[in-house]
């Protein structure tokens, strides 16, 4: 194995964490962290009696409070997710009786409204949001870089230069013939 290839494997798969018995890739670790964080927040909602409320609902609720009734596209933009993800979240929220959909000015557009049930839950949702924020600040003190800052930096880096391009460059640097089609595709964008 070439030195460049060893370095890339170390960066991409090991992350210098020797205590982990399995080699976990970046995506696996990111998903695991998200599952742990979201799982704990979901348990907090259950502890508060909101068994059908999901952590992914809060950003949409907060956006609807700030913006008023909004299209799914506008909600997606405000929350920072894809239209598809926002649509799926809104559909789940509708099943829980938290939002209703009404036709917009354009027949293709659907406008999302909070229900009275959602409004009645706002004191609990806001209190949980504040408690979670305080808990994250405490956790940040244990981290080398605050989680929010790291996530923002990762997003900026990926927006500047997508991982696909970086993988293409790494494939070219490795010179492995098995990666030649990947390097060519990544180069053509």
Protein backbone atom coordinates (compact mmCIF):
# COMPACT_ATOMS: atom_id res chain seq x y z
CA UNK A 1 0.00 0.00 0.00
CA UNK A 2 1.40 3.40 -0.95
CA UNK A 3 2.04 6.05 1.68
CA UNK A 4 -0.63 8.34 0.15
CA UNK A 5 -3.17 5.52 0.24
CA UNK A 6 -2.36 4.73 3.89
CA UNK A 7 -2.79 8.39 4.81
CA UNK A 8 -6.13 8.61 3.01
CA UNK A 9 -7.38 5.43 4.68
CA UNK A 10 -6.30 6.77 8.08
CA UNK A 11 -8.11 10.06 7.47
CA UNK A 12 -11.26 8.55 6.02
CA UNK A 13 -11.77 5.49 8.17
CA UNK A 14 -9.79 5.52 11.39
CA UNK A 15 -9.92 9.16 12.54
CA UNK A 16 -7.22 8.34 15.08
CA UNK A 17 -9.73 6.63 17.36
CA UNK A 18 -7.98 3.45 18.43
CA UNK A 19 -10.49 2.60 21.17
CA UNK A 20 -13.20 1.76 18.62
CA UNK A 21 -12.87 -1.94 17.75
CA UNK A 22 -14.49 -1.63 14.32
CA UNK A 23 -13.41 0.65 11.55
CA UNK A 24 -16.26 3.11 11.20
CA UNK A 25 -16.58 5.36 8.21
CA UNK A 26 -17.45 9.03 8.40
CA UNK A 27 -21.09 8.55 7.39
CA UNK A 28 -21.55 5.80 9.97
CA UNK A 29 -20.25 8.02 12.75
CA UNK A 30 -22.31 11.02 11.67
CA UNK A 31 -25.48 8.93 11.54
CA UNK A 32 -24.69 7.41 14.92
CA UNK A 33 -24.19 10.84 16.54
CA UNK A 34 -27.45 12.07 15.01
CA UNK A 35 -29.28 8.94 16.20
CA UNK A 36 -27.94 9.41 19.74
CA UNK A 37 -28.81 13.11 19.89
CA UNK A 38 -32.24 12.80 18.25
CA UNK A 39 -33.00 9.68 20.28
CA UNK A 40 -32.34 11.47 23.55
CA UNK A 41 -34.41 14.49 22.55
CA UNK A 42 -37.25 12.15 21.51
CA UNK A 43 -37.06 10.53 24.95
CA UNK A 44 -37.30 13.98 26.54
CA UNK A 45 -40.46 14.66 24.54
CA UNK A 46 -41.86 11.30 25.67
CA UNK A 47 -40.97 12.20 29.28
CA UNK A 48 -42.96 15.42 28.75
CA UNK A 49 -45.96 13.44 27.50
CA UNK A 50 -45.46 14.25 23.81
CA UNK A 51 -45.09 10.68 22.58
CA UNK A 52 -45.93 11.48 18.96
CA UNK A 53 -43.71 14.57 18.71
CA UNK A 54 -40.35 14.21 16.92
CA UNK A 55 -37.25 16.40 17.26
CA UNK A 56 -37.36 17.19 13.54
CA UNK A 57 -40.72 18.93 14.07
CA UNK A 58 -39.35 21.78 16.22
CA UNK A 59 -37.48 23.68 13.49
CA UNK A 60 -40.64 23.59 11.33
CA UNK A 61 -42.82 24.75 14.22
CA UNK A 62 -40.38 27.56 15.01
CA UNK A 63 -40.25 28.59 11.33
CA UNK A 64 -44.06 28.67 11.13
CA UNK A 65 -44.21 30.82 14.26
CA UNK A 66 -41.65 33.23 12.79
CA UNK A 67 -42.95 33.29 9.20
CA UNK A 68 -46.62 32.48 9.59
CA UNK A 69 -48.32 30.06 7.19
CA UNK A 70 -45.75 29.08 4.60
CA UNK A 71 -45.23 26.93 1.55
CA UNK A 72 -43.23 23.75 1.93
CA UNK A 73 -40.55 25.27 -0.29
CA UNK A 74 -40.25 28.29 2.01
CA UNK A 75 -40.15 26.04 5.06
CA UNK A 76 -37.42 23.91 3.48
CA UNK A 77 -35.37 27.04 2.83
CA UNK A 78 -35.95 28.42 6.34
CA UNK A 79 -35.06 25.13 8.05
CA UNK A 80 -32.16 24.32 5.73
CA UNK A 81 -33.38 20.99 4.35
CA UNK A 82 -34.45 19.72 0.96
CA UNK A 83 -38.00 20.20 -0.30
CA UNK A 84 -38.48 16.44 -0.04
CA UNK A 85 -37.33 16.35 3.60
CA UNK A 86 -39.59 19.27 4.50
CA UNK A 87 -42.52 17.64 2.71
CA UNK A 88 -41.98 14.37 4.60
CA UNK A 89 -41.73 16.18 7.93
CA UNK A 90 -44.89 18.18 7.23
CA UNK A 91 -46.72 14.96 6.29
CA UNK A 92 -45.68 13.37 9.60
CA UNK A 93 -46.72 16.50 11.47
CA UNK A 94 -50.10 16.39 9.71
CA UNK A 95 -50.65 12.81 10.88
CA UNK A 96 -49.96 14.00 14.43
CA UNK A 97 -52.47 16.83 14.13
CA UNK A 98 -49.84 19.56 14.33
CA UNK A 99 -50.29 21.16 10.90
CA UNK A 100 -52.86 21.45 8.16
CA UNK A 101 -52.29 22.06 4.47
CA UNK A 102 -54.25 24.45 2.32
CA UNK A 103 -53.92 25.21 -1.38
CA UNK A 104 -51.77 28.19 -2.25
CA UNK A 105 -52.20 30.80 -4.97
CA UNK A 106 -50.60 28.34 -7.37
CA UNK A 107 -52.44 25.00 -7.57
CA UNK A 108 -49.12 23.16 -7.14
CA UNK A 109 -48.32 25.01 -3.94
CA UNK A 110 -49.46 23.87 -0.51
CA UNK A 111 -49.47 26.24 2.45
CA UNK A 112 -48.70 24.81 5.88
CA UNK A 113 -50.57 26.13 8.94
CA UNK A 114 -50.06 25.25 12.60
CA UNK A 115 -53.09 23.71 14.28
CA UNK A 116 -54.50 24.72 17.64
CA UNK A 117 -52.97 21.54 19.05
CA UNK A 118 -49.50 22.67 17.93
CA UNK A 119 -50.08 26.14 19.38
CA UNK A 120 -51.17 24.64 22.69
CA UNK A 121 -47.87 22.71 22.85
CA UNK A 122 -45.69 25.77 22.25
CA UNK A 123 -44.85 26.39 25.94
CA UNK A 124 -43.51 22.82 26.27
CA UNK A 125 -41.76 22.94 22.88
CA UNK A 126 -40.12 26.28 23.71
CA UNK A 127 -39.06 25.10 27.18
CA UNK A 128 -37.55 21.91 25.73
CA UNK A 129 -35.76 23.95 23.05
CA UNK A 130 -34.20 26.16 25.75
CA UNK A 131 -33.21 23.15 27.90
CA UNK A 132 -31.70 21.37 24.91
CA UNK A 133 -29.77 24.52 23.98
CA UNK A 134 -28.37 24.72 27.51
CA UNK A 135 -27.46 21.02 27.45
CA UNK A 136 -25.66 21.45 24.12
CA UNK A 137 -23.71 24.41 25.54
CA UNK A 138 -22.63 22.17 28.42
CA UNK A 139 -21.62 19.42 26.00
CA UNK A 140 -19.74 21.98 23.87
CA UNK A 141 -17.49 22.68 26.88
CA UNK A 142 -16.31 19.06 26.64
CA UNK A 143 -15.55 19.22 22.92
CA UNK A 144 -12.42 20.57 21.24
CA UNK A 145 -14.70 22.74 19.06
CA UNK A 146 -18.35 23.58 19.78
CA UNK A 147 -20.63 21.26 17.81
CA UNK A 148 -22.54 24.08 16.10
CA UNK A 149 -19.32 25.74 14.95
CA UNK A 150 -17.98 22.44 13.62
CA UNK A 151 -21.20 21.68 11.74
CA UNK A 152 -21.22 25.17 10.21
CA UNK A 153 -17.57 24.76 9.17
CA UNK A 154 -18.30 21.35 7.62
CA UNK A 155 -21.26 22.77 5.68
CA UNK A 156 -19.15 25.67 4.37
CA UNK A 157 -16.34 23.31 3.33
CA UNK A 158 -18.71 20.95 1.51
CA UNK A 159 -20.49 23.87 -0.17
CA UNK A 160 -17.13 25.30 -1.29
CA UNK A 161 -15.92 21.97 -2.62
CA UNK A 162 -18.18 18.91 -2.56
CA UNK A 163 -16.87 15.66 -1.15
CA UNK A 164 -17.34 14.07 -4.58
CA UNK A 165 -14.69 16.41 -6.02
CA UNK A 166 -12.39 15.69 -3.11
CA UNK A 167 -12.83 11.95 -3.62
CA UNK A 168 -12.01 12.37 -7.32
CA UNK A 169 -8.80 14.21 -6.46
CA UNK A 170 -7.89 11.52 -3.92
CA UNK A 171 -8.60 8.82 -6.50
CA UNK A 172 -6.30 10.52 -9.00
CA UNK A 173 -3.59 10.90 -6.34
CA UNK A 174 -3.81 7.21 -5.45
CA UNK A 175 -3.43 6.19 -9.08
CA UNK A 176 -5.27 2.91 -8.49
CA UNK A 177 -6.67 1.67 -11.84
CA UNK A 178 -9.82 0.48 -10.06
CA UNK A 179 -10.59 4.14 -9.27
CA UNK A 180 -9.97 5.48 -12.79
CA UNK A 181 -13.68 5.72 -13.73
CA UNK A 182 -14.39 7.57 -10.49
CA UNK A 183 -11.58 10.00 -11.05
CA UNK A 184 -12.80 10.71 -14.58
CA UNK A 185 -16.41 11.25 -13.49
CA UNK A 186 -15.40 13.50 -10.61
CA UNK A 187 -13.18 15.56 -12.92
CA UNK A 188 -15.99 16.15 -15.43
CA UNK A 189 -18.30 17.29 -12.57
